[in-house]
C-alpha atoms as a PDB file:
ATOM      1  CA  MET A   1     146.851 141.280 101.513  1.00  0.00           C
ATOM      2  CA  ALA A   2     149.069 144.295 100.328  1.00  0.00           C
ATOM      3  CA  LEU A   3     149.333 145.144  96.750  1.00  0.00           C
ATOM      4  CA  ASN A   4     153.056 144.272  96.635  1.00  0.00           C
ATOM      5  CA  GLU A   5     152.274 140.867  97.971  1.00  0.00           C
ATOM      6  CA  VAL A   6     149.625 140.296  95.137  1.00  0.00           C
ATOM      7  CA  ALA A   7     151.771 141.835  92.271  1.00  0.00           C
ATOM      8  CA  ARG A   8     153.844 138.430  92.230  1.00  0.00           C
ATOM      9  CA  PHE A   9     150.674 136.810  90.973  1.00  0.00           C
ATOM     10  CA  ALA A  10     150.175 139.593  88.295  1.00  0.00           C
ATOM     11  CA  ASP A  11     150.900 137.054  85.265  1.00  0.00           C
ATOM     12  CA  VAL A  12     148.970 134.246  86.552  1.00  0.00           C
ATOM     13  CA  PRO A  13     145.839 133.765  84.210  1.00  0.00           C
ATOM     14  CA  ILE A  14     142.308 133.720  85.589  1.00  0.00           C
ATOM     15  CA  GLU A  15     138.982 133.108  84.217  1.00  0.00           C
ATOM     16  CA  VAL A  16     136.583 136.132  84.095  1.00  0.00           C
ATOM     17  CA  GLU A  17     132.813 135.112  83.390  1.00  0.00           C
ATOM     18  CA  VAL A  18     130.231 137.525  81.930  1.00  0.00           C
ATOM     19  CA  GLU A  19     126.965 136.118  81.625  1.00  0.00           C
ATOM     20  CA  LEU A  20     125.056 137.940  78.771  1.00  0.00           C
ATOM     21  CA  ASP A  21     121.793 136.189  78.962  1.00  0.00           C
ATOM     22  CA  ARG A  22     120.161 132.664  79.372  1.00  0.00           C
ATOM     23  CA  ARG A  23     117.711 130.714  77.264  1.00  0.00           C
ATOM     24  CA  VAL A  24     115.507 127.687  77.581  1.00  0.00           C
ATOM     25  CA  LEU A  25     115.642 125.565  74.547  1.00  0.00           C
ATOM     26  CA  SER A  26     113.752 122.374  73.901  1.00  0.00           C
ATOM     27  CA  VAL A  27     115.696 119.219  73.022  1.00  0.00           C
ATOM     28  CA  ARG A  28     114.679 119.613  69.444  1.00  0.00           C
ATOM     29  CA  GLU A  29     115.883 123.201  69.116  1.00  0.00           C
ATOM     30  CA  ILE A  30     119.569 122.020  70.656  1.00  0.00           C
ATOM     31  CA  LEU A  31     119.696 119.245  68.241  1.00  0.00           C
ATOM     32  CA  ASP A  32     119.092 121.205  65.227  1.00  0.00           C
ATOM     33  CA  LEU A  33     121.744 123.837  66.177  1.00  0.00           C
ATOM     34  CA  GLU A  34     124.616 123.594  63.790  1.00  0.00           C
ATOM     35  CA  GLU A  35     127.868 125.792  63.081  1.00  0.00           C
ATOM     36  CA  GLY A  36     126.705 129.265  62.215  1.00  0.00           C
ATOM     37  CA  SER A  37     123.479 129.079  64.250  1.00  0.00           C
ATOM     38  CA  VAL A  38     122.220 131.988  66.179  1.00  0.00           C
ATOM     39  CA  ILE A  39     120.558 132.037  69.629  1.00  0.00           C
ATOM     40  CA  GLY A  40     118.868 135.506  69.999  1.00  0.00           C
ATOM     41  CA  MET A  41     119.233 137.166  73.334  1.00  0.00           C
ATOM     42  CA  THR A  42     116.898 139.349  75.207  1.00  0.00           C
ATOM     43  CA  ARG A  43     119.377 141.645  76.540  1.00  0.00           C
ATOM     44  CA  SER A  44     120.869 144.559  74.390  1.00  0.00           C
ATOM     45  CA  ALA A  45     123.530 147.038  74.449  1.00  0.00           C
ATOM     46  CA  GLY A  46     123.448 149.418  77.476  1.00  0.00           C
ATOM     47  CA  GLU A  47     122.027 146.675  80.071  1.00  0.00           C
ATOM     48  CA  ASN A  48     123.814 146.155  83.152  1.00  0.00           C
ATOM     49  CA  ILE A  49     125.427 142.706  83.909  1.00  0.00           C
ATOM     50  CA  ASP A  50     127.353 140.984  87.007  1.00  0.00           C
ATOM     51  CA  LEU A  51     131.078 140.296  86.358  1.00  0.00           C
ATOM     52  CA  TYR A  52     132.692 137.068  88.047  1.00  0.00           C
ATOM     53  CA  VAL A  53     136.139 136.081  88.618  1.00  0.00           C
ATOM     54  CA  GLY A  54     136.720 132.501  90.227  1.00  0.00           C
ATOM     55  CA  GLY A  55     132.937 132.283  90.774  1.00  0.00           C
ATOM     56  CA  LYS A  56     132.739 135.448  92.780  1.00  0.00           C
ATOM     57  CA  LEU A  57     130.988 138.456  92.127  1.00  0.00           C
ATOM     58  CA  VAL A  58     133.714 141.329  91.860  1.00  0.00           C
ATOM     59  CA  GLY A  59     131.905 143.850  89.769  1.00  0.00           C
ATOM     60  CA  TYR A  60     129.256 145.423  87.496  1.00  0.00           C
ATOM     61  CA  GLY A  61     129.465 146.296  83.708  1.00  0.00           C
ATOM     62  CA  GLU A  62     127.336 147.675  80.892  1.00  0.00           C
ATOM     63  CA  ILE A  63     127.122 145.668  77.564  1.00  0.00           C
ATOM     64  CA  VAL A  64     128.661 147.756  74.710  1.00  0.00           C
ATOM     65  CA  LEU A  65     128.919 147.286  71.014  1.00  0.00           C
ATOM     66  CA  ILE A  66     132.523 147.916  69.675  1.00  0.00           C
ATOM     67  CA  GLU A  67     132.032 147.874  65.901  1.00  0.00           C
ATOM     68  CA  SER A  68     130.519 144.402  65.294  1.00  0.00           C
ATOM     69  CA  ARG A  69     131.650 142.808  68.362  1.00  0.00           C
ATOM     70  CA  ILE A  70     129.925 142.968  72.025  1.00  0.00           C
ATOM     71  CA  GLY A  71     132.123 143.997  74.900  1.00  0.00           C
ATOM     72  CA  VAL A  72     131.698 144.790  78.535  1.00  0.00           C
ATOM     73  CA  ARG A  73     132.451 148.226  80.012  1.00  0.00           C
ATOM     74  CA  ILE A  74     133.158 147.729  83.703  1.00  0.00           C
ATOM     75  CA  THR A  75     131.098 150.466  85.755  1.00  0.00           C
ATOM     76  CA  ASP A  76     131.873 149.630  89.443  1.00  0.00           C
ATOM     77  CA  PHE A  77     133.543 146.891  91.613  1.00  0.00           C
ATOM     78  CA  ASN A  78     132.330 145.034  94.393  1.00  0.00           C
ATOM     79  CA  ILE A  79     134.359 145.856  97.200  1.00  0.00           C
ATOM     80  CA  GLU A  80     133.677 143.584 100.246  1.00  0.00           C
ATOM     81  CA  ASP A  81     135.797 143.856 103.520  1.00  0.00           C
END
């Protein structure tokens, strides 16, 4: 598909997924969660992650800290023919 054909869809929202980590919690731990609870992660700034759009791997990124927030710096795209 040519770029000018895709341009007409430029304003259509699409979900971008970034998975920072996965944890296994017991039912008790889940029931104990409340607003403001913190679930610790094993990943940290500088680590590489995968980026998904519509459930498909589209690229790779790096976890970054921007002031007190977490972000993702895109480092590469997964270009498939």
